Amino acid sequence: MIDLHTHTLFSDGELLPSELVRRAEVIGYQAVALTDHADSSNLDWMIPRIVQACQELNAHWKIRAIPGIELTHLPPGIIGRMVEKARVLGARVVVVHGESVVEPVPPGTNRKALEAGVDILAHPGLISEGEVVLAREKKVFLEISARKGHSLANGHVARLAQKCGAPMILNTDSHSPDDLITLEKARVVALGAGLEEEDFSRMLQNSRRIVEQLFLE
């Protein structure tokens, strides 16, 4: 299992980075990205600490910890600038909190995130077909979410991604120990979104490729 969207107590998660990564390793994860919520108020503070934590954990444990960030509820007009800043600060996986059906994310967030070339557009809700085409062109991964609430639109996202040939990825958006899932549970989430076994396998391959590329750089 590889999970590229999780949260620690640096934002609204329950666990320290070390405990989150350790718990993930024990249930069979090969890699996990720490992608706490950020805006302009905490980006400078948070990313260096996540980078430091991941470096120390990677020096001692087999599981790969990846420093990332989830840009959340930003005014769409500043998303591009914030994505660039996050990368400069050391975020290796940049996620934008998409237009979820259960949160008041500003309209236009999905498109601006895609235009900025983020790595993952998280739980993008009722994303439009045109935006999914843009995700394909920009090679941005659309997230199939295992998280309660955000997962309500998984079927819509999966259907359009298949129709338009956009890449997908499956993450937990974990905030607590109970949110981490086994590979079999991830498979159930994928099939529940209307995907086939080969689609699930492709999402796993996408996650592996991302991690392999990060640790080859």
N, C-alpha and C. Protein backbone atom coordinates (compact mmCIF):
# COMPACT_ATOMS: atom_id res chain seq x y z
N MET A 1 0.83 -1.19 0.00
CA MET A 1 0.00 0.00 0.00
C MET A 1 0.87 1.25 0.00
N ILE A 2 0.55 2.19 -0.84
CA ILE A 2 1.20 3.49 -0.88
C ILE A 2 0.11 4.54 -0.74
N ASP A 3 0.32 5.49 0.16
CA ASP A 3 -0.69 6.49 0.46
C ASP A 3 -0.04 7.87 0.37
N LEU A 4 -0.49 8.69 -0.57
CA LEU A 4 0.15 9.98 -0.81
C LEU A 4 -0.69 11.15 -0.34
N HIS A 5 -1.54 10.91 0.65
CA HIS A 5 -2.38 11.98 1.21
C HIS A 5 -2.75 11.62 2.64
N THR A 6 -2.00 12.16 3.61
CA THR A 6 -2.27 11.90 5.03
C THR A 6 -2.00 13.18 5.83
N HIS A 7 -2.49 13.16 7.07
CA HIS A 7 -2.36 14.34 7.94
C HIS A 7 -1.86 13.95 9.32
N THR A 8 -1.01 14.81 9.88
CA THR A 8 -0.48 14.62 11.22
C THR A 8 -1.02 15.73 12.12
N LEU A 9 -0.53 15.78 13.36
CA LEU A 9 -0.99 16.84 14.25
C LEU A 9 -0.40 18.21 13.89
N PHE A 10 0.42 18.26 12.83
CA PHE A 10 0.83 19.57 12.32
C PHE A 10 -0.36 20.33 11.75
N SER A 11 -1.42 19.60 11.38
CA SER A 11 -2.66 20.28 10.98
C SER A 11 -3.80 19.69 11.80
N ASP A 12 -4.69 18.92 11.16
CA ASP A 12 -5.85 18.40 11.90
C ASP A 12 -5.80 16.89 12.10
N GLY A 13 -4.65 16.29 11.95
CA GLY A 13 -4.50 14.87 12.24
C GLY A 13 -4.25 14.62 13.71
N GLU A 14 -4.24 13.36 14.11
CA GLU A 14 -4.12 13.00 15.53
C GLU A 14 -2.73 12.56 15.94
N LEU A 15 -1.86 12.25 14.97
CA LEU A 15 -0.60 11.60 15.29
C LEU A 15 0.61 12.45 14.91
N LEU A 16 1.69 12.28 15.66
CA LEU A 16 2.98 12.80 15.24
C LEU A 16 3.39 12.13 13.92
N PRO A 17 4.23 12.78 13.12
CA PRO A 17 4.72 12.13 11.90
C PRO A 17 5.31 10.75 12.17
N SER A 18 6.11 10.62 13.21
CA SER A 18 6.75 9.34 13.48
C SER A 18 5.73 8.24 13.78
N GLU A 19 4.69 8.56 14.54
CA GLU A 19 3.70 7.53 14.85
C GLU A 19 2.85 7.18 13.64
N LEU A 20 2.49 8.19 12.86
CA LEU A 20 1.71 7.90 11.65
C LEU A 20 2.48 6.98 10.71
N VAL A 21 3.75 7.30 10.48
CA VAL A 21 4.56 6.50 9.56
C VAL A 21 4.78 5.10 10.13
N ARG A 22 5.02 4.99 11.42
CA ARG A 22 5.22 3.68 12.04
C ARG A 22 3.96 2.82 11.95
N ARG A 23 2.82 3.41 12.25
CA ARG A 23 1.57 2.65 12.16
C ARG A 23 1.32 2.19 10.72
N ALA A 24 1.62 3.05 9.77
CA ALA A 24 1.46 2.67 8.36
C ALA A 24 2.38 1.50 8.00
N GLU A 25 3.60 1.55 8.48
CA GLU A 25 4.56 0.48 8.18
C GLU A 25 4.08 -0.86 8.75
N VAL A 26 3.55 -0.84 9.96
CA VAL A 26 3.13 -2.07 10.63
C VAL A 26 2.00 -2.77 9.87
N ILE A 27 1.11 -2.00 9.22
CA ILE A 27 0.01 -2.65 8.50
C ILE A 27 0.33 -2.88 7.02
N GLY A 28 1.60 -2.68 6.65
CA GLY A 28 2.03 -3.10 5.32
C GLY A 28 2.27 -2.01 4.30
N TYR A 29 2.27 -0.77 4.70
CA TYR A 29 2.56 0.31 3.75
C TYR A 29 4.02 0.27 3.32
N GLN A 30 4.25 0.60 2.04
CA GLN A 30 5.62 0.77 1.56
C GLN A 30 6.06 2.23 1.58
N ALA A 31 5.11 3.14 1.45
CA ALA A 31 5.43 4.57 1.45
C ALA A 31 4.20 5.37 1.88
N VAL A 32 4.46 6.53 2.47
CA VAL A 32 3.38 7.41 2.89
C VAL A 32 3.86 8.85 2.77
N ALA A 33 3.02 9.71 2.22
CA ALA A 33 3.33 11.13 2.13
C ALA A 33 2.60 11.87 3.25
N LEU A 34 3.29 12.78 3.89
CA LEU A 34 2.71 13.61 4.93
C LEU A 34 2.31 14.93 4.29
N THR A 35 1.02 15.16 4.17
CA THR A 35 0.50 16.28 3.39
C THR A 35 -0.46 17.12 4.23
N ASP A 36 0.06 17.74 5.25
CA ASP A 36 -0.80 18.51 6.14
C ASP A 36 -1.37 19.74 5.45
N HIS A 37 -2.50 20.22 5.98
CA HIS A 37 -3.19 21.37 5.42
C HIS A 37 -2.36 22.64 5.60
N ALA A 38 -2.32 23.46 4.55
CA ALA A 38 -1.55 24.70 4.65
C ALA A 38 -2.17 25.80 3.80
N ASP A 39 -1.93 27.03 4.23
CA ASP A 39 -2.20 28.21 3.42
C ASP A 39 -1.02 29.15 3.63
N SER A 40 -1.18 30.42 3.32
CA SER A 40 -0.05 31.33 3.43
C SER A 40 0.38 31.58 4.87
N SER A 41 -0.47 31.23 5.84
CA SER A 41 -0.15 31.50 7.24
C SER A 41 0.86 30.51 7.83
N ASN A 42 0.92 29.30 7.31
CA ASN A 42 1.76 28.28 7.95
C ASN A 42 2.67 27.52 7.01
N LEU A 43 2.65 27.83 5.73
CA LEU A 43 3.44 27.07 4.76
C LEU A 43 4.93 27.10 5.10
N ASP A 44 5.47 28.28 5.38
CA ASP A 44 6.89 28.42 5.69
C ASP A 44 7.28 27.65 6.94
N TRP A 45 6.38 27.59 7.90
CA TRP A 45 6.67 26.91 9.15
C TRP A 45 6.59 25.40 9.00
N MET A 46 5.60 24.93 8.27
CA MET A 46 5.28 23.51 8.26
C MET A 46 6.20 22.66 7.39
N ILE A 47 6.43 23.09 6.16
CA ILE A 47 7.16 22.21 5.24
C ILE A 47 8.55 21.87 5.75
N PRO A 48 9.35 22.81 6.23
CA PRO A 48 10.68 22.42 6.73
C PRO A 48 10.62 21.37 7.84
N ARG A 49 9.62 21.42 8.68
CA ARG A 49 9.50 20.44 9.76
C ARG A 49 9.10 19.06 9.24
N ILE A 50 8.22 19.05 8.25
CA ILE A 50 7.87 17.78 7.64
C ILE A 50 9.07 17.18 6.91
N VAL A 51 9.82 18.03 6.22
CA VAL A 51 11.03 17.56 5.52
C VAL A 51 12.00 16.94 6.52
N GLN A 52 12.23 17.62 7.64
CA GLN A 52 13.16 17.11 8.65
C GLN A 52 12.68 15.77 9.21
N ALA A 53 11.40 15.68 9.52
CA ALA A 53 10.86 14.43 10.07
C ALA A 53 11.04 13.28 9.10
N CYS A 54 10.74 13.53 7.82
CA CYS A 54 10.86 12.46 6.82
C CYS A 54 12.31 12.03 6.63
N GLN A 55 13.22 12.97 6.64
CA GLN A 55 14.64 12.61 6.49
C GLN A 55 15.09 11.70 7.62
N GLU A 56 14.71 12.03 8.84
CA GLU A 56 15.13 11.23 9.98
C GLU A 56 14.49 9.84 9.97
N LEU A 57 13.20 9.77 9.62
CA LEU A 57 12.54 8.47 9.57
C LEU A 57 13.10 7.60 8.46
N ASN A 58 13.39 8.19 7.32
CA ASN A 58 13.93 7.42 6.20
C ASN A 58 15.33 6.88 6.48
N ALA A 59 16.03 7.50 7.40
CA ALA A 59 17.37 7.04 7.75
C ALA A 59 17.33 5.79 8.62
N HIS A 60 16.15 5.48 9.19
CA HIS A 60 16.08 4.38 10.15
C HIS A 60 15.07 3.30 9.79
N TRP A 61 14.07 3.61 9.01
CA TRP A 61 13.01 2.65 8.72
C TRP A 61 12.95 2.32 7.25
N LYS A 62 12.41 1.14 6.96
CA LYS A 62 12.30 0.69 5.57
C LYS A 62 11.22 1.45 4.81
N ILE A 63 10.10 1.74 5.46
CA ILE A 63 9.04 2.49 4.81
C ILE A 63 9.57 3.85 4.37
N ARG A 64 9.10 4.35 3.24
CA ARG A 64 9.53 5.66 2.74
C ARG A 64 8.54 6.73 3.19
N ALA A 65 9.02 7.74 3.87
CA ALA A 65 8.21 8.88 4.28
C ALA A 65 8.52 10.04 3.33
N ILE A 66 7.49 10.64 2.79
CA ILE A 66 7.65 11.66 1.74
C ILE A 66 7.07 12.98 2.24
N PRO A 67 7.87 14.05 2.22
CA PRO A 67 7.35 15.35 2.63
C PRO A 67 6.44 15.96 1.58
N GLY A 68 5.24 16.33 2.01
CA GLY A 68 4.30 16.93 1.08
C GLY A 68 3.49 18.02 1.75
N ILE A 69 2.45 18.47 1.09
CA ILE A 69 1.58 19.51 1.62
C ILE A 69 0.24 19.44 0.91
N GLU A 70 -0.82 19.80 1.61
CA GLU A 70 -2.13 19.94 0.97
C GLU A 70 -2.57 21.40 1.10
N LEU A 71 -2.54 22.12 0.00
CA LEU A 71 -3.00 23.50 -0.02
C LEU A 71 -4.52 23.49 0.05
N THR A 72 -5.07 24.21 1.04
CA THR A 72 -6.46 23.98 1.43
C THR A 72 -7.27 25.27 1.52
N HIS A 73 -8.41 25.30 0.83
CA HIS A 73 -9.36 26.42 0.89
C HIS A 73 -8.72 27.76 0.54
N LEU A 74 -7.77 27.75 -0.39
CA LEU A 74 -7.12 28.99 -0.81
C LEU A 74 -8.01 29.76 -1.79
N PRO A 75 -7.88 31.08 -1.84
CA PRO A 75 -8.47 31.81 -2.96
C PRO A 75 -7.86 31.26 -4.25
N PRO A 76 -8.65 30.86 -5.22
CA PRO A 76 -8.09 30.23 -6.42
C PRO A 76 -6.98 31.03 -7.09
N GLY A 77 -7.07 32.35 -7.03
CA GLY A 77 -6.08 33.18 -7.70
C GLY A 77 -4.67 33.08 -7.18
N ILE A 78 -4.48 32.56 -5.96
CA ILE A 78 -3.12 32.44 -5.42
C ILE A 78 -2.60 31.01 -5.45
N ILE A 79 -3.38 30.08 -5.97
CA ILE A 79 -2.96 28.68 -5.94
C ILE A 79 -1.65 28.47 -6.70
N GLY A 80 -1.53 29.04 -7.90
CA GLY A 80 -0.32 28.84 -8.68
C GLY A 80 0.92 29.29 -7.94
N ARG A 81 0.87 30.47 -7.33
CA ARG A 81 2.01 31.00 -6.58
C ARG A 81 2.32 30.13 -5.37
N MET A 82 1.30 29.63 -4.69
CA MET A 82 1.52 28.81 -3.51
C MET A 82 2.09 27.44 -3.86
N VAL A 83 1.69 26.90 -5.00
CA VAL A 83 2.25 25.62 -5.45
C VAL A 83 3.75 25.78 -5.69
N GLU A 84 4.14 26.84 -6.36
CA GLU A 84 5.56 27.09 -6.62
C GLU A 84 6.33 27.25 -5.31
N LYS A 85 5.77 28.00 -4.38
CA LYS A 85 6.44 28.22 -3.09
C LYS A 85 6.60 26.91 -2.32
N ALA A 86 5.57 26.07 -2.35
CA ALA A 86 5.65 24.79 -1.64
C ALA A 86 6.77 23.93 -2.18
N ARG A 87 6.93 23.92 -3.47
CA ARG A 87 8.00 23.12 -4.07
C ARG A 87 9.38 23.67 -3.70
N VAL A 88 9.53 24.98 -3.70
CA VAL A 88 10.80 25.60 -3.32
C VAL A 88 11.16 25.26 -1.88
N LEU A 89 10.16 25.21 -1.02
CA LEU A 89 10.39 24.91 0.40
C LEU A 89 10.71 23.44 0.65
N GLY A 90 10.46 22.58 -0.34
CA GLY A 90 10.84 21.17 -0.18
C GLY A 90 9.73 20.16 -0.23
N ALA A 91 8.51 20.58 -0.51
CA ALA A 91 7.41 19.61 -0.64
C ALA A 91 7.62 18.78 -1.90
N ARG A 92 7.66 17.47 -1.75
CA ARG A 92 7.89 16.58 -2.89
C ARG A 92 6.58 16.14 -3.52
N VAL A 93 5.50 16.19 -2.77
CA VAL A 93 4.16 15.89 -3.28
C VAL A 93 3.27 17.07 -2.91
N VAL A 94 2.78 17.77 -3.92
CA VAL A 94 1.91 18.92 -3.68
C VAL A 94 0.48 18.52 -4.05
N VAL A 95 -0.38 18.57 -3.05
CA VAL A 95 -1.80 18.22 -3.18
C VAL A 95 -2.60 19.51 -3.03
N VAL A 96 -3.65 19.65 -3.80
CA VAL A 96 -4.61 20.73 -3.55
C VAL A 96 -5.94 20.10 -3.15
N HIS A 97 -6.52 20.67 -2.10
CA HIS A 97 -7.82 20.24 -1.59
C HIS A 97 -8.88 20.62 -2.62
N GLY A 98 -9.37 19.63 -3.35
CA GLY A 98 -10.31 19.90 -4.42
C GLY A 98 -11.69 20.29 -3.94
N GLU A 99 -12.56 20.54 -4.90
CA GLU A 99 -13.91 21.02 -4.61
C GLU A 99 -14.81 19.87 -4.14
N SER A 100 -14.58 19.46 -2.92
CA SER A 100 -15.33 18.37 -2.32
C SER A 100 -16.81 18.71 -2.20
N VAL A 101 -17.65 17.69 -2.27
CA VAL A 101 -19.09 17.90 -2.13
C VAL A 101 -19.50 18.16 -0.69
N VAL A 102 -18.59 18.00 0.28
CA VAL A 102 -18.96 18.15 1.68
C VAL A 102 -18.25 19.33 2.36
N GLU A 103 -17.52 20.15 1.62
CA GLU A 103 -16.86 21.31 2.20
C GLU A 103 -16.99 22.51 1.27
N PRO A 104 -16.98 23.73 1.82
CA PRO A 104 -17.19 24.93 1.01
C PRO A 104 -15.93 25.44 0.33
N VAL A 105 -15.32 24.59 -0.46
CA VAL A 105 -14.11 24.99 -1.19
C VAL A 105 -14.49 26.01 -2.27
N PRO A 106 -13.70 27.08 -2.44
CA PRO A 106 -14.06 28.11 -3.41
C PRO A 106 -14.19 27.56 -4.83
N PRO A 107 -15.24 27.92 -5.54
CA PRO A 107 -15.37 27.52 -6.94
C PRO A 107 -14.17 28.02 -7.74
N GLY A 108 -13.72 27.20 -8.67
CA GLY A 108 -12.54 27.54 -9.45
C GLY A 108 -11.27 26.90 -8.94
N THR A 109 -11.34 26.29 -7.75
CA THR A 109 -10.16 25.65 -7.16
C THR A 109 -9.65 24.51 -8.03
N ASN A 110 -10.55 23.65 -8.49
CA ASN A 110 -10.10 22.51 -9.29
C ASN A 110 -9.31 22.98 -10.51
N ARG A 111 -9.85 23.95 -11.24
CA ARG A 111 -9.21 24.39 -12.48
C ARG A 111 -7.86 25.06 -12.20
N LYS A 112 -7.80 25.92 -11.21
CA LYS A 112 -6.55 26.60 -10.91
C LYS A 112 -5.47 25.62 -10.45
N ALA A 113 -5.87 24.61 -9.68
CA ALA A 113 -4.91 23.59 -9.25
C ALA A 113 -4.38 22.81 -10.44
N LEU A 114 -5.26 22.47 -11.36
CA LEU A 114 -4.83 21.73 -12.55
C LEU A 114 -3.92 22.60 -13.42
N GLU A 115 -4.28 23.85 -13.59
CA GLU A 115 -3.45 24.75 -14.38
C GLU A 115 -2.07 24.92 -13.76
N ALA A 116 -2.00 24.86 -12.43
CA ALA A 116 -0.71 25.00 -11.74
C ALA A 116 0.13 23.73 -11.81
N GLY A 117 -0.46 22.62 -12.27
CA GLY A 117 0.30 21.38 -12.39
C GLY A 117 0.63 20.74 -11.07
N VAL A 118 -0.34 20.73 -10.15
CA VAL A 118 -0.12 20.03 -8.88
C VAL A 118 0.10 18.55 -9.14
N ASP A 119 0.55 17.84 -8.14
CA ASP A 119 0.74 16.40 -8.31
C ASP A 119 -0.59 15.65 -8.20
N ILE A 120 -1.40 16.04 -7.21
CA ILE A 120 -2.66 15.34 -6.94
C ILE A 120 -3.74 16.37 -6.67
N LEU A 121 -4.87 16.22 -7.34
CA LEU A 121 -6.06 16.99 -7.00
C LEU A 121 -6.93 16.09 -6.13
N ALA A 122 -6.99 16.43 -4.84
CA ALA A 122 -7.65 15.56 -3.87
C ALA A 122 -9.17 15.69 -3.95
N HIS A 123 -9.84 14.55 -3.82
CA HIS A 123 -11.30 14.46 -3.78
C HIS A 123 -11.95 15.63 -4.53
N PRO A 124 -11.85 15.66 -5.86
CA PRO A 124 -12.27 16.85 -6.63
C PRO A 124 -13.77 16.99 -6.83
N GLY A 125 -14.58 16.19 -6.14
CA GLY A 125 -16.02 16.39 -6.13
C GLY A 125 -16.65 16.30 -7.50
N LEU A 126 -17.55 17.23 -7.77
CA LEU A 126 -18.26 17.21 -9.05
C LEU A 126 -17.45 17.95 -10.11
N ILE A 127 -16.29 17.44 -10.36
CA ILE A 127 -15.37 18.00 -11.35
C ILE A 127 -16.02 17.92 -12.73
N SER A 128 -15.74 18.91 -13.57
CA SER A 128 -16.33 18.93 -14.91
C SER A 128 -15.51 18.09 -15.88
N GLU A 129 -16.15 17.72 -16.98
CA GLU A 129 -15.44 16.94 -17.99
C GLU A 129 -14.27 17.73 -18.56
N GLY A 130 -14.46 19.03 -18.77
CA GLY A 130 -13.36 19.84 -19.28
C GLY A 130 -12.18 19.86 -18.34
N GLU A 131 -12.44 19.89 -17.05
CA GLU A 131 -11.36 19.87 -16.07
C GLU A 131 -10.65 18.52 -16.05
N VAL A 132 -11.40 17.47 -16.26
CA VAL A 132 -10.78 16.14 -16.31
C VAL A 132 -9.88 16.02 -17.54
N VAL A 133 -10.29 16.59 -18.64
CA VAL A 133 -9.44 16.63 -19.84
C VAL A 133 -8.16 17.39 -19.53
N LEU A 134 -8.28 18.50 -18.80
CA LEU A 134 -7.10 19.28 -18.41
C LEU A 134 -6.19 18.47 -17.50
N ALA A 135 -6.76 17.68 -16.59
CA ALA A 135 -5.96 16.81 -15.73
C ALA A 135 -5.15 15.83 -16.56
N ARG A 136 -5.77 15.29 -17.60
CA ARG A 136 -5.05 14.37 -18.49
C ARG A 136 -3.89 15.09 -19.17
N GLU A 137 -4.15 16.29 -19.66
CA GLU A 137 -3.12 17.05 -20.38
C GLU A 137 -1.97 17.45 -19.45
N LYS A 138 -2.30 17.79 -18.22
CA LYS A 138 -1.30 18.24 -17.26
C LYS A 138 -0.66 17.09 -16.48
N LYS A 139 -1.19 15.87 -16.70
CA LYS A 139 -0.70 14.69 -15.98
C LYS A 139 -0.86 14.85 -14.47
N VAL A 140 -1.99 15.41 -14.07
CA VAL A 140 -2.33 15.55 -12.65
C VAL A 140 -3.20 14.37 -12.25
N PHE A 141 -2.86 13.73 -11.14
CA PHE A 141 -3.62 12.58 -10.68
C PHE A 141 -4.89 13.03 -9.96
N LEU A 142 -6.01 12.44 -10.38
CA LEU A 142 -7.28 12.69 -9.72
C LEU A 142 -7.47 11.64 -8.63
N GLU A 143 -7.83 12.09 -7.45
CA GLU A 143 -7.88 11.19 -6.30
C GLU A 143 -9.23 10.48 -6.15
N ILE A 144 -9.15 9.18 -5.98
CA ILE A 144 -10.26 8.38 -5.48
C ILE A 144 -10.01 8.26 -3.98
N SER A 145 -10.95 8.75 -3.18
CA SER A 145 -10.70 8.92 -1.75
C SER A 145 -11.37 7.84 -0.91
N ALA A 146 -10.64 7.37 0.09
CA ALA A 146 -11.21 6.42 1.04
C ALA A 146 -11.84 7.13 2.23
N ARG A 147 -11.81 8.46 2.23
CA ARG A 147 -12.30 9.20 3.39
C ARG A 147 -13.81 9.40 3.34
N LYS A 148 -14.43 9.21 4.49
CA LYS A 148 -15.87 9.42 4.62
C LYS A 148 -16.23 10.83 4.17
N GLY A 149 -17.30 10.95 3.44
CA GLY A 149 -17.74 12.25 2.96
C GLY A 149 -17.13 12.57 1.61
N HIS A 150 -15.83 12.74 1.57
CA HIS A 150 -15.16 13.03 0.30
C HIS A 150 -15.39 11.91 -0.71
N SER A 151 -15.57 10.69 -0.22
CA SER A 151 -15.72 9.55 -1.11
C SER A 151 -17.07 9.52 -1.83
N LEU A 152 -17.99 10.39 -1.43
CA LEU A 152 -19.33 10.38 -2.04
C LEU A 152 -19.30 10.62 -3.54
N ALA A 153 -18.31 11.35 -4.02
CA ALA A 153 -18.23 11.67 -5.45
C ALA A 153 -17.23 10.78 -6.19
N ASN A 154 -16.73 9.72 -5.55
CA ASN A 154 -15.76 8.85 -6.20
C ASN A 154 -16.27 8.31 -7.54
N GLY A 155 -17.53 7.90 -7.56
CA GLY A 155 -18.06 7.32 -8.79
C GLY A 155 -18.06 8.31 -9.94
N HIS A 156 -18.41 9.55 -9.67
CA HIS A 156 -18.40 10.59 -10.69
C HIS A 156 -16.98 10.84 -11.20
N VAL A 157 -16.03 10.97 -10.27
CA VAL A 157 -14.63 11.20 -10.65
C VAL A 157 -14.11 10.04 -11.48
N ALA A 158 -14.38 8.82 -11.04
CA ALA A 158 -13.89 7.63 -11.74
C ALA A 158 -14.48 7.53 -13.15
N ARG A 159 -15.77 7.80 -13.27
CA ARG A 159 -16.42 7.70 -14.58
C ARG A 159 -15.82 8.67 -15.59
N LEU A 160 -15.64 9.93 -15.18
CA LEU A 160 -15.08 10.91 -16.11
C LEU A 160 -13.60 10.65 -16.39
N ALA A 161 -12.86 10.20 -15.38
CA ALA A 161 -11.45 9.90 -15.59
C ALA A 161 -11.29 8.77 -16.60
N GLN A 162 -12.12 7.75 -16.50
CA GLN A 162 -12.08 6.67 -17.48
C GLN A 162 -12.47 7.16 -18.87
N LYS A 163 -13.50 7.96 -18.94
CA LYS A 163 -13.97 8.46 -20.23
C LYS A 163 -12.92 9.32 -20.93
N CYS A 164 -12.21 10.14 -20.16
CA CYS A 164 -11.28 11.10 -20.74
C CYS A 164 -9.83 10.65 -20.70
N GLY A 165 -9.55 9.52 -20.06
CA GLY A 165 -8.19 9.02 -20.00
C GLY A 165 -7.29 9.76 -19.03
N ALA A 166 -7.88 10.31 -17.96
CA ALA A 166 -7.09 11.02 -16.95
C ALA A 166 -6.55 10.03 -15.92
N PRO A 167 -5.37 10.28 -15.39
CA PRO A 167 -4.78 9.36 -14.41
C PRO A 167 -5.44 9.48 -13.05
N MET A 168 -5.58 8.35 -12.36
CA MET A 168 -6.18 8.33 -11.03
C MET A 168 -5.21 7.74 -10.02
N ILE A 169 -5.48 8.07 -8.78
CA ILE A 169 -4.69 7.54 -7.67
C ILE A 169 -5.64 7.35 -6.49
N LEU A 170 -5.36 6.39 -5.63
CA LEU A 170 -6.21 6.13 -4.47
C LEU A 170 -5.46 6.45 -3.20
N ASN A 171 -6.04 7.33 -2.36
CA ASN A 171 -5.44 7.72 -1.09
C ASN A 171 -6.48 7.67 0.03
N THR A 172 -5.99 7.74 1.28
CA THR A 172 -6.91 7.67 2.41
C THR A 172 -7.34 9.02 2.94
N ASP A 173 -6.50 10.07 2.75
CA ASP A 173 -6.75 11.35 3.43
C ASP A 173 -6.84 11.08 4.93
N SER A 174 -5.92 10.27 5.42
CA SER A 174 -5.94 9.82 6.82
C SER A 174 -5.75 10.98 7.79
N HIS A 175 -6.59 11.00 8.84
CA HIS A 175 -6.45 11.95 9.93
C HIS A 175 -6.25 11.23 11.27
N SER A 176 -6.55 9.95 11.33
CA SER A 176 -6.43 9.20 12.57
C SER A 176 -5.93 7.78 12.26
N PRO A 177 -5.51 7.04 13.28
CA PRO A 177 -5.04 5.67 13.03
C PRO A 177 -6.05 4.80 12.30
N ASP A 178 -7.31 4.98 12.62
CA ASP A 178 -8.35 4.15 12.02
C ASP A 178 -8.56 4.45 10.54
N ASP A 179 -8.05 5.57 10.06
CA ASP A 179 -8.22 5.92 8.65
C ASP A 179 -7.24 5.18 7.73
N LEU A 180 -6.15 4.69 8.28
CA LEU A 180 -5.21 3.91 7.47
C LEU A 180 -5.87 2.60 7.06
N ILE A 181 -5.61 2.17 5.84
CA ILE A 181 -6.33 1.00 5.33
C ILE A 181 -5.37 -0.04 4.77
N THR A 182 -5.84 -1.26 4.69
CA THR A 182 -5.09 -2.33 4.06
C THR A 182 -5.26 -2.26 2.54
N LEU A 183 -4.45 -3.02 1.85
CA LEU A 183 -4.55 -3.07 0.40
C LEU A 183 -5.90 -3.62 -0.03
N GLU A 184 -6.44 -4.57 0.70
CA GLU A 184 -7.74 -5.13 0.36
C GLU A 184 -8.85 -4.09 0.52
N LYS A 185 -8.76 -3.29 1.58
CA LYS A 185 -9.77 -2.23 1.75
C LYS A 185 -9.66 -1.21 0.62
N ALA A 186 -8.45 -0.91 0.20
CA ALA A 186 -8.26 0.02 -0.93
C ALA A 186 -8.93 -0.54 -2.19
N ARG A 187 -8.80 -1.83 -2.39
CA ARG A 187 -9.43 -2.49 -3.53
C ARG A 187 -10.95 -2.34 -3.46
N VAL A 188 -11.52 -2.51 -2.27
CA VAL A 188 -12.97 -2.37 -2.10
C VAL A 188 -13.41 -0.94 -2.44
N VAL A 189 -12.63 0.05 -2.02
CA VAL A 189 -12.96 1.45 -2.33
C VAL A 189 -12.96 1.66 -3.84
N ALA A 190 -11.97 1.12 -4.52
CA ALA A 190 -11.88 1.28 -5.96
C ALA A 190 -13.06 0.62 -6.67
N LEU A 191 -13.35 -0.61 -6.30
CA LEU A 191 -14.47 -1.31 -6.94
C LEU A 191 -15.79 -0.63 -6.61
N GLY A 192 -15.90 -0.08 -5.41
CA GLY A 192 -17.11 0.62 -5.02
C GLY A 192 -17.33 1.90 -5.82
N ALA A 193 -16.26 2.43 -6.40
CA ALA A 193 -16.37 3.62 -7.24
C ALA A 193 -16.75 3.25 -8.68
N GLY A 194 -16.94 1.97 -8.91
CA GLY A 194 -17.32 1.53 -10.25
C GLY A 194 -16.15 1.15 -11.13
N LEU A 195 -14.96 1.06 -10.54
CA LEU A 195 -13.77 0.70 -11.31
C LEU A 195 -13.61 -0.81 -11.37
N GLU A 196 -12.79 -1.24 -12.31
CA GLU A 196 -12.50 -2.67 -12.48
C GLU A 196 -11.16 -3.01 -11.83
N GLU A 197 -10.89 -4.31 -11.75
CA GLU A 197 -9.63 -4.76 -11.16
C GLU A 197 -8.41 -4.15 -11.86
N GLU A 198 -8.48 -4.06 -13.19
CA GLU A 198 -7.34 -3.49 -13.92
C GLU A 198 -7.16 -2.00 -13.62
N ASP A 199 -8.27 -1.31 -13.35
CA ASP A 199 -8.17 0.11 -12.97
C ASP A 199 -7.49 0.24 -11.61
N PHE A 200 -7.85 -0.64 -10.69
CA PHE A 200 -7.22 -0.62 -9.37
C PHE A 200 -5.73 -0.90 -9.49
N SER A 201 -5.38 -1.88 -10.29
CA SER A 201 -3.96 -2.20 -10.50
C SER A 201 -3.22 -1.01 -11.09
N ARG A 202 -3.87 -0.31 -12.00
CA ARG A 202 -3.24 0.85 -12.62
C ARG A 202 -3.01 1.96 -11.60
N MET A 203 -3.96 2.17 -10.69
CA MET A 203 -3.77 3.17 -9.65
C MET A 203 -2.60 2.82 -8.74
N LEU A 204 -2.48 1.54 -8.39
CA LEU A 204 -1.34 1.11 -7.57
C LEU A 204 -0.03 1.35 -8.30
N GLN A 205 -0.02 1.07 -9.60
CA GLN A 205 1.19 1.32 -10.40
C GLN A 205 1.52 2.81 -10.44
N ASN A 206 0.50 3.64 -10.55
CA ASN A 206 0.72 5.09 -10.54
C ASN A 206 1.41 5.53 -9.26
N SER A 207 0.93 5.01 -8.13
CA SER A 207 1.53 5.36 -6.84
C SER A 207 2.98 4.91 -6.78
N ARG A 208 3.24 3.69 -7.24
CA ARG A 208 4.61 3.17 -7.21
C ARG A 208 5.54 4.00 -8.07
N ARG A 209 5.06 4.40 -9.24
CA ARG A 209 5.90 5.20 -10.14
C ARG A 209 6.27 6.55 -9.51
N ILE A 210 5.29 7.16 -8.85
CA ILE A 210 5.56 8.43 -8.20
C ILE A 210 6.67 8.27 -7.15
N VAL A 211 6.54 7.27 -6.30
CA VAL A 211 7.52 7.05 -5.24
C VAL A 211 8.88 6.70 -5.82
N GLU A 212 8.91 5.84 -6.80
CA GLU A 212 10.19 5.46 -7.42
C GLU A 212 10.87 6.68 -8.02
N GLN A 213 10.11 7.53 -8.68
CA GLN A 213 10.69 8.73 -9.28
C GLN A 213 11.23 9.67 -8.22
N LEU A 214 10.51 9.83 -7.13
CA LEU A 214 10.96 10.73 -6.07
C LEU A 214 12.29 10.28 -5.47
N PHE A 215 12.45 8.98 -5.30
CA PHE A 215 13.66 8.49 -4.63
C PHE A 215 14.79 8.20 -5.63
N LEU A 216 14.54 8.41 -6.91
CA LEU A 216 15.61 8.36 -7.91
C LEU A 216 16.21 9.74 -8.15
N GLU A 217 15.43 10.77 -7.84
CA GLU A 217 15.88 12.15 -8.10
C GLU A 217 17.01 12.54 -7.17
